[in-house]
């Protein structure tokens, strides 16, 4: 499954094997072996690829069909929300409900 997904993601991003290899700090030949299934990657490379393609490791491995990774801006929002106290979370929740009502035209 990972072989198919690596190639699909690379083609969707319109990058070459050399481009991806450069992101992983490996040779194009090494990446080509990952994409062809002739070589297994270590966890670090798998994690870097997931981040590069903005998908989850589970998606790459074929465990989930949902790509499931948060974009960097979304991840920052989640991290910041987790740092808030109860009052802050209540305020953020209220603001989100208000903004959604403006977009959808209905109160939640």
C-alpha atoms as a PDB file:
ATOM      1  CA  UNK A   1       0.000   0.000   0.000  1.00  0.00           C
ATOM      2  CA  UNK A   2       2.765   2.432   0.876  1.00  0.00           C
ATOM      3  CA  UNK A   3       4.283   2.006  -2.584  1.00  0.00           C
ATOM      4  CA  UNK A   4       1.064   3.110  -4.278  1.00  0.00           C
ATOM      5  CA  UNK A   5       0.465   5.979  -1.905  1.00  0.00           C
ATOM      6  CA  UNK A   6       3.989   7.377  -2.141  1.00  0.00           C
ATOM      7  CA  UNK A   7       3.807   7.551  -5.908  1.00  0.00           C
ATOM      8  CA  UNK A   8       0.265   8.959  -5.904  1.00  0.00           C
ATOM      9  CA  UNK A   9       1.151  11.668  -3.392  1.00  0.00           C
ATOM     10  CA  UNK A  10       4.332  12.596  -5.240  1.00  0.00           C
ATOM     11  CA  UNK A  11       2.476  12.880  -8.540  1.00  0.00           C
ATOM     12  CA  UNK A  12      -0.316  14.929  -6.939  1.00  0.00           C
ATOM     13  CA  UNK A  13       2.303  17.326  -5.599  1.00  0.00           C
ATOM     14  CA  UNK A  14       3.966  17.468  -9.045  1.00  0.00           C
ATOM     15  CA  UNK A  15       7.432  16.750  -7.695  1.00  0.00           C
ATOM     16  CA  UNK A  16      10.145  14.362  -8.817  1.00  0.00           C
ATOM     17  CA  UNK A  17      11.701  11.531  -6.853  1.00  0.00           C
ATOM     18  CA  UNK A  18      14.801  13.720  -6.588  1.00  0.00           C
ATOM     19  CA  UNK A  19      12.718  16.497  -5.004  1.00  0.00           C
ATOM     20  CA  UNK A  20      11.353  14.142  -2.355  1.00  0.00           C
ATOM     21  CA  UNK A  21      14.768  12.591  -1.753  1.00  0.00           C
ATOM     22  CA  UNK A  22      16.216  16.037  -1.137  1.00  0.00           C
ATOM     23  CA  UNK A  23      13.583  16.660   1.560  1.00  0.00           C
ATOM     24  CA  UNK A  24      14.581  13.383   3.234  1.00  0.00           C
ATOM     25  CA  UNK A  25      18.280  14.098   2.800  1.00  0.00           C
ATOM     26  CA  UNK A  26      18.796  10.833   0.905  1.00  0.00           C
ATOM     27  CA  UNK A  27      19.723   9.953  -2.671  1.00  0.00           C
ATOM     28  CA  UNK A  28      17.147   9.745  -5.424  1.00  0.00           C
ATOM     29  CA  UNK A  29      18.066   6.097  -5.818  1.00  0.00           C
ATOM     30  CA  UNK A  30      17.267   5.401  -2.155  1.00  0.00           C
ATOM     31  CA  UNK A  31      13.899   7.113  -2.460  1.00  0.00           C
ATOM     32  CA  UNK A  32      13.196   5.243  -5.690  1.00  0.00           C
ATOM     33  CA  UNK A  33      13.706   1.993  -3.787  1.00  0.00           C
ATOM     34  CA  UNK A  34      11.154   3.130  -1.162  1.00  0.00           C
ATOM     35  CA  UNK A  35       8.648   3.964  -3.874  1.00  0.00           C
ATOM     36  CA  UNK A  36       9.200   0.661  -5.671  1.00  0.00           C
ATOM     37  CA  UNK A  37       8.998  -1.398  -2.476  1.00  0.00           C
ATOM     38  CA  UNK A  38      12.567  -2.703  -2.776  1.00  0.00           C
ATOM     39  CA  UNK A  39      13.622  -1.048   0.463  1.00  0.00           C
ATOM     40  CA  UNK A  40      11.833  -0.388   3.743  1.00  0.00           C
ATOM     41  CA  UNK A  41      12.155   3.007   5.327  1.00  0.00           C
ATOM     42  CA  UNK A  42      12.895   3.752   8.940  1.00  0.00           C
ATOM     43  CA  UNK A  43      10.444   5.544  11.206  1.00  0.00           C
ATOM     44  CA  UNK A  44      12.174   8.900  10.815  1.00  0.00           C
ATOM     45  CA  UNK A  45      11.863   8.783   7.024  1.00  0.00           C
ATOM     46  CA  UNK A  46       8.256   7.655   7.273  1.00  0.00           C
ATOM     47  CA  UNK A  47       7.477  10.532   9.620  1.00  0.00           C
ATOM     48  CA  UNK A  48       9.253  13.046   7.354  1.00  0.00           C
ATOM     49  CA  UNK A  49       7.339  11.787   4.322  1.00  0.00           C
ATOM     50  CA  UNK A  50       4.018  12.077   6.133  1.00  0.00           C
ATOM     51  CA  UNK A  51       4.836  15.654   7.081  1.00  0.00           C
ATOM     52  CA  UNK A  52       6.084  16.478   3.575  1.00  0.00           C
ATOM     53  CA  UNK A  53       2.920  15.152   1.932  1.00  0.00           C
ATOM     54  CA  UNK A  54       0.689  16.469   4.766  1.00  0.00           C
ATOM     55  CA  UNK A  55      -0.834  13.088   5.522  1.00  0.00           C
ATOM     56  CA  UNK A  56      -0.766  10.788   8.520  1.00  0.00           C
ATOM     57  CA  UNK A  57       1.665   7.906   8.878  1.00  0.00           C
ATOM     58  CA  UNK A  58      -1.398   5.632   9.120  1.00  0.00           C
ATOM     59  CA  UNK A  59      -2.499   6.858   5.686  1.00  0.00           C
ATOM     60  CA  UNK A  60       0.919   6.126   4.187  1.00  0.00           C
ATOM     61  CA  UNK A  61       0.905   2.639   5.680  1.00  0.00           C
ATOM     62  CA  UNK A  62      -2.612   1.941   4.406  1.00  0.00           C
ATOM     63  CA  UNK A  63      -4.151   1.645   7.871  1.00  0.00           C
ATOM     64  CA  UNK A  64      -6.579   4.485   7.127  1.00  0.00           C
ATOM     65  CA  UNK A  65      -8.062   5.846   3.947  1.00  0.00           C
ATOM     66  CA  UNK A  66      -8.528   9.295   5.469  1.00  0.00           C
ATOM     67  CA  UNK A  67      -5.356  11.295   4.883  1.00  0.00           C
ATOM     68  CA  UNK A  68      -5.829  12.564   8.407  1.00  0.00           C
ATOM     69  CA  UNK A  69      -2.964  14.937   8.984  1.00  0.00           C
ATOM     70  CA  UNK A  70      -3.479  18.483  10.086  1.00  0.00           C
ATOM     71  CA  UNK A  71      -1.985  21.311   8.095  1.00  0.00           C
ATOM     72  CA  UNK A  72       0.670  23.212  10.075  1.00  0.00           C
ATOM     73  CA  UNK A  73      -1.716  26.121  10.742  1.00  0.00           C
ATOM     74  CA  UNK A  74      -4.390  23.720  12.000  1.00  0.00           C
ATOM     75  CA  UNK A  75      -1.913  21.943  14.261  1.00  0.00           C
ATOM     76  CA  UNK A  76      -0.849  25.312  15.717  1.00  0.00           C
ATOM     77  CA  UNK A  77      -4.473  26.125  16.521  1.00  0.00           C
ATOM     78  CA  UNK A  78      -4.923  22.812  18.324  1.00  0.00           C
ATOM     79  CA  UNK A  79      -1.699  23.319  20.303  1.00  0.00           C
ATOM     80  CA  UNK A  80      -2.735  26.851  21.301  1.00  0.00           C
ATOM     81  CA  UNK A  81      -6.251  25.755  22.260  1.00  0.00           C
ATOM     82  CA  UNK A  82      -4.770  23.070  24.519  1.00  0.00           C
ATOM     83  CA  UNK A  83      -2.796  25.756  26.379  1.00  0.00           C
ATOM     84  CA  UNK A  84      -5.909  27.770  27.257  1.00  0.00           C
ATOM     85  CA  UNK A  85      -7.668  27.582  30.599  1.00  0.00           C
ATOM     86  CA  UNK A  86     -11.413  26.811  30.845  1.00  0.00           C
ATOM     87  CA  UNK A  87     -12.397  30.469  30.396  1.00  0.00           C
ATOM     88  CA  UNK A  88     -10.241  30.813  27.296  1.00  0.00           C
ATOM     89  CA  UNK A  89     -11.667  27.646  25.748  1.00  0.00           C
ATOM     90  CA  UNK A  90     -15.210  28.833  26.457  1.00  0.00           C
ATOM     91  CA  UNK A  91     -14.446  32.134  24.711  1.00  0.00           C
ATOM     92  CA  UNK A  92     -12.884  30.410  21.697  1.00  0.00           C
ATOM     93  CA  UNK A  93     -15.816  27.978  21.452  1.00  0.00           C
ATOM     94  CA  UNK A  94     -18.280  30.887  21.525  1.00  0.00           C
ATOM     95  CA  UNK A  95     -16.354  32.731  18.821  1.00  0.00           C
ATOM     96  CA  UNK A  96     -16.259  29.650  16.604  1.00  0.00           C
ATOM     97  CA  UNK A  97     -20.019  29.139  16.997  1.00  0.00           C
ATOM     98  CA  UNK A  98     -20.619  32.790  16.121  1.00  0.00           C
ATOM     99  CA  UNK A  99     -18.361  32.687  13.045  1.00  0.00           C
ATOM    100  CA  UNK A 100     -19.955  29.451  11.857  1.00  0.00           C
ATOM    101  CA  UNK A 101     -23.410  30.986  12.192  1.00  0.00           C
ATOM    102  CA  UNK A 102     -22.274  33.849   9.926  1.00  0.00           C
ATOM    103  CA  UNK A 103     -21.001  31.383   7.325  1.00  0.00           C
ATOM    104  CA  UNK A 104     -23.877  28.911   7.475  1.00  0.00           C
ATOM    105  CA  UNK A 105     -26.661  31.387   8.222  1.00  0.00           C
ATOM    106  CA  UNK A 106     -27.965  29.386  11.162  1.00  0.00           C
ATOM    107  CA  UNK A 107     -27.386  29.282  14.872  1.00  0.00           C
ATOM    108  CA  UNK A 108     -25.909  26.112  16.310  1.00  0.00           C
END
